[in-house]
Amino acid sequence: MKFEVENLIMLGFIRVEEEVVGLTENDEEVTRRVYRLTPKGKDTAKKHSEKLPKEIKNALRSLKRFNEMPLKKLNDYCWIMYGKPHKPLPLYILEENVKEAR
């Protein structure tokens, strides 16, 4: 995945921001990377999404609630649905505000 992300950054489709999410016991910053679509990336995604079949669009819309869930709630949901705890998700986010795209 790293190679594809780097390509998308170089091509100007996404940008990466670092956010401080806390401090360690040694007062070192804990950061996470947030990946966001650039205007160019949004335009490209919109053009491609318009070509998708209705069934695919509906399936993607149904996943929106998982994107909006806090990490702990998503992990709890997976534990309840699949019966075993899952490793915590990495501290990076591929984020696109669906409301902005509409």
C-alpha atoms as a PDB file:
ATOM      1  CA  MET A   1       0.000   0.000   0.000  1.00  0.00           C
ATOM      2  CA  LYS A   2       2.826   2.416   0.770  1.00  0.00           C
ATOM      3  CA  PHE A   3       3.928   2.531  -2.875  1.00  0.00           C
ATOM      4  CA  GLU A   4       0.431   3.414  -4.080  1.00  0.00           C
ATOM      5  CA  VAL A   5       0.031   6.142  -1.442  1.00  0.00           C
ATOM      6  CA  GLU A   6       3.372   7.680  -2.363  1.00  0.00           C
ATOM      7  CA  ASN A   7       2.330   7.709  -6.022  1.00  0.00           C
ATOM      8  CA  LEU A   8      -0.970   9.410  -5.191  1.00  0.00           C
ATOM      9  CA  ILE A   9       0.920  12.052  -3.206  1.00  0.00           C
ATOM     10  CA  MET A  10       3.420  12.652  -6.014  1.00  0.00           C
ATOM     11  CA  LEU A  11       0.600  12.912  -8.565  1.00  0.00           C
ATOM     12  CA  GLY A  12      -1.188  15.477  -6.394  1.00  0.00           C
ATOM     13  CA  PHE A  13      -4.297  13.429  -5.589  1.00  0.00           C
ATOM     14  CA  ILE A  14      -3.809  13.295  -1.815  1.00  0.00           C
ATOM     15  CA  ARG A  15      -1.965  15.267   0.827  1.00  0.00           C
ATOM     16  CA  VAL A  16      -0.673  14.079   4.172  1.00  0.00           C
ATOM     17  CA  GLU A  17      -0.929  15.987   7.423  1.00  0.00           C
ATOM     18  CA  GLU A  18       0.557  15.044  10.768  1.00  0.00           C
ATOM     19  CA  GLU A  19      -1.611  15.648  13.823  1.00  0.00           C
ATOM     20  CA  VAL A  20      -0.460  15.491  17.422  1.00  0.00           C
ATOM     21  CA  VAL A  21      -2.790  13.138  19.297  1.00  0.00           C
ATOM     22  CA  GLY A  22      -1.028  13.036  22.656  1.00  0.00           C
ATOM     23  CA  LEU A  23       2.181  12.815  24.589  1.00  0.00           C
ATOM     24  CA  THR A  24       4.154   9.844  25.848  1.00  0.00           C
ATOM     25  CA  GLU A  25       5.298   9.532  29.462  1.00  0.00           C
ATOM     26  CA  ASN A  26       8.554  11.144  28.292  1.00  0.00           C
ATOM     27  CA  ASP A  27       6.670  14.137  26.845  1.00  0.00           C
ATOM     28  CA  GLU A  28       7.323  13.014  23.273  1.00  0.00           C
ATOM     29  CA  GLU A  29       4.591  13.850  20.795  1.00  0.00           C
ATOM     30  CA  VAL A  30       2.460  11.002  19.477  1.00  0.00           C
ATOM     31  CA  THR A  31       1.295  11.819  15.977  1.00  0.00           C
ATOM     32  CA  ARG A  32      -0.887  10.261  13.370  1.00  0.00           C
ATOM     33  CA  ARG A  33      -0.939  10.802   9.653  1.00  0.00           C
ATOM     34  CA  VAL A  34      -4.161  12.014   8.097  1.00  0.00           C
ATOM     35  CA  TYR A  35      -4.577  11.467   4.379  1.00  0.00           C
ATOM     36  CA  ARG A  36      -6.934  13.847   2.571  1.00  0.00           C
ATOM     37  CA  LEU A  37      -7.937  14.207  -1.033  1.00  0.00           C
ATOM     38  CA  THR A  38      -6.717  17.363  -2.722  1.00  0.00           C
ATOM     39  CA  PRO A  39      -9.089  19.328  -4.983  1.00  0.00           C
ATOM     40  CA  LYS A  40      -7.541  17.424  -7.920  1.00  0.00           C
ATOM     41  CA  GLY A  41      -8.154  14.141  -6.093  1.00  0.00           C
ATOM     42  CA  LYS A  42     -11.755  15.064  -5.314  1.00  0.00           C
ATOM     43  CA  ASP A  43     -12.435  15.951  -8.950  1.00  0.00           C
ATOM     44  CA  THR A  44     -10.922  12.675 -10.153  1.00  0.00           C
ATOM     45  CA  ALA A  45     -12.782  10.622  -7.539  1.00  0.00           C
ATOM     46  CA  LYS A  46     -16.062  12.336  -8.444  1.00  0.00           C
ATOM     47  CA  LYS A  47     -15.586  11.624 -12.172  1.00  0.00           C
ATOM     48  CA  HIS A  48     -14.867   7.955 -11.496  1.00  0.00           C
ATOM     49  CA  SER A  49     -17.660   7.577  -8.942  1.00  0.00           C
ATOM     50  CA  GLU A  50     -20.215   8.880 -11.420  1.00  0.00           C
ATOM     51  CA  LYS A  51     -19.385   5.929 -13.682  1.00  0.00           C
ATOM     52  CA  LEU A  52     -19.962   3.303 -10.979  1.00  0.00           C
ATOM     53  CA  PRO A  53     -23.042   1.065 -11.134  1.00  0.00           C
ATOM     54  CA  LYS A  54     -25.822   1.962  -8.699  1.00  0.00           C
ATOM     55  CA  GLU A  55     -25.221  -1.216  -6.657  1.00  0.00           C
ATOM     56  CA  ILE A  56     -21.585  -0.269  -6.059  1.00  0.00           C
ATOM     57  CA  LYS A  57     -22.534   3.288  -5.077  1.00  0.00           C
ATOM     58  CA  ASN A  58     -25.074   1.934  -2.592  1.00  0.00           C
ATOM     59  CA  ALA A  59     -22.498  -0.474  -1.142  1.00  0.00           C
ATOM     60  CA  LEU A  60     -20.002   2.347  -0.671  1.00  0.00           C
ATOM     61  CA  ARG A  61     -22.644   4.546   0.974  1.00  0.00           C
ATOM     62  CA  SER A  62     -23.439   1.726   3.409  1.00  0.00           C
ATOM     63  CA  LEU A  63     -19.802   1.793   4.586  1.00  0.00           C
ATOM     64  CA  LYS A  64     -19.963   5.496   5.458  1.00  0.00           C
ATOM     65  CA  ARG A  65     -21.052   4.790   9.036  1.00  0.00           C
ATOM     66  CA  PHE A  66     -17.872   2.799   9.678  1.00  0.00           C
ATOM     67  CA  ASN A  67     -15.714   5.678   8.439  1.00  0.00           C
ATOM     68  CA  GLU A  68     -17.447   7.994  10.893  1.00  0.00           C
ATOM     69  CA  MET A  69     -17.100   5.677  13.911  1.00  0.00           C
ATOM     70  CA  PRO A  70     -14.494   6.379  16.567  1.00  0.00           C
ATOM     71  CA  LEU A  71     -11.750   3.742  16.549  1.00  0.00           C
ATOM     72  CA  LYS A  72     -12.847   2.121  19.826  1.00  0.00           C
ATOM     73  CA  LYS A  73     -16.452   1.822  18.680  1.00  0.00           C
ATOM     74  CA  LEU A  74     -15.369   0.267  15.372  1.00  0.00           C
ATOM     75  CA  ASN A  75     -13.132  -2.221  17.196  1.00  0.00           C
ATOM     76  CA  ASP A  76     -15.988  -3.089  19.593  1.00  0.00           C
ATOM     77  CA  TYR A  77     -18.344  -3.579  16.653  1.00  0.00           C
ATOM     78  CA  CYS A  78     -15.886  -5.995  15.011  1.00  0.00           C
ATOM     79  CA  TRP A  79     -15.481  -7.878  18.282  1.00  0.00           C
ATOM     80  CA  ILE A  80     -19.247  -8.274  18.684  1.00  0.00           C
ATOM     81  CA  MET A  81     -19.871  -9.206  15.044  1.00  0.00           C
ATOM     82  CA  TYR A  82     -16.947 -11.571  14.577  1.00  0.00           C
ATOM     83  CA  GLY A  83     -16.457 -12.889  18.104  1.00  0.00           C
ATOM     84  CA  LYS A  84     -12.810 -12.080  18.680  1.00  0.00           C
ATOM     85  CA  PRO A  85     -10.868  -8.950  19.454  1.00  0.00           C
ATOM     86  CA  HIS A  86      -9.065  -7.388  16.542  1.00  0.00           C
ATOM     87  CA  LYS A  87      -5.786  -5.575  16.570  1.00  0.00           C
ATOM     88  CA  PRO A  88      -6.212  -1.815  16.884  1.00  0.00           C
ATOM     89  CA  LEU A  89      -6.218  -0.037  13.569  1.00  0.00           C
ATOM     90  CA  PRO A  90      -3.132   1.956  12.596  1.00  0.00           C
ATOM     91  CA  LEU A  91      -3.073   5.605  13.582  1.00  0.00           C
ATOM     92  CA  TYR A  92      -3.536   6.898  10.106  1.00  0.00           C
ATOM     93  CA  ILE A  93      -6.729   7.798   8.416  1.00  0.00           C
ATOM     94  CA  LEU A  94      -7.747   7.932   4.821  1.00  0.00           C
ATOM     95  CA  GLU A  95     -10.351  10.616   5.156  1.00  0.00           C
ATOM     96  CA  GLU A  96     -12.731  12.255   2.771  1.00  0.00           C
ATOM     97  CA  ASN A  97     -15.608  14.326   3.973  1.00  0.00           C
ATOM     98  CA  VAL A  98     -18.558  12.879   2.070  1.00  0.00           C
ATOM     99  CA  LYS A  99     -20.627  15.983   2.756  1.00  0.00           C
ATOM    100  CA  GLU A 100     -18.032  18.145   0.943  1.00  0.00           C
ATOM    101  CA  ALA A 101     -18.147  15.883  -2.102  1.00  0.00           C
ATOM    102  CA  ARG A 102     -21.923  16.210  -2.465  1.00  0.00           C
END
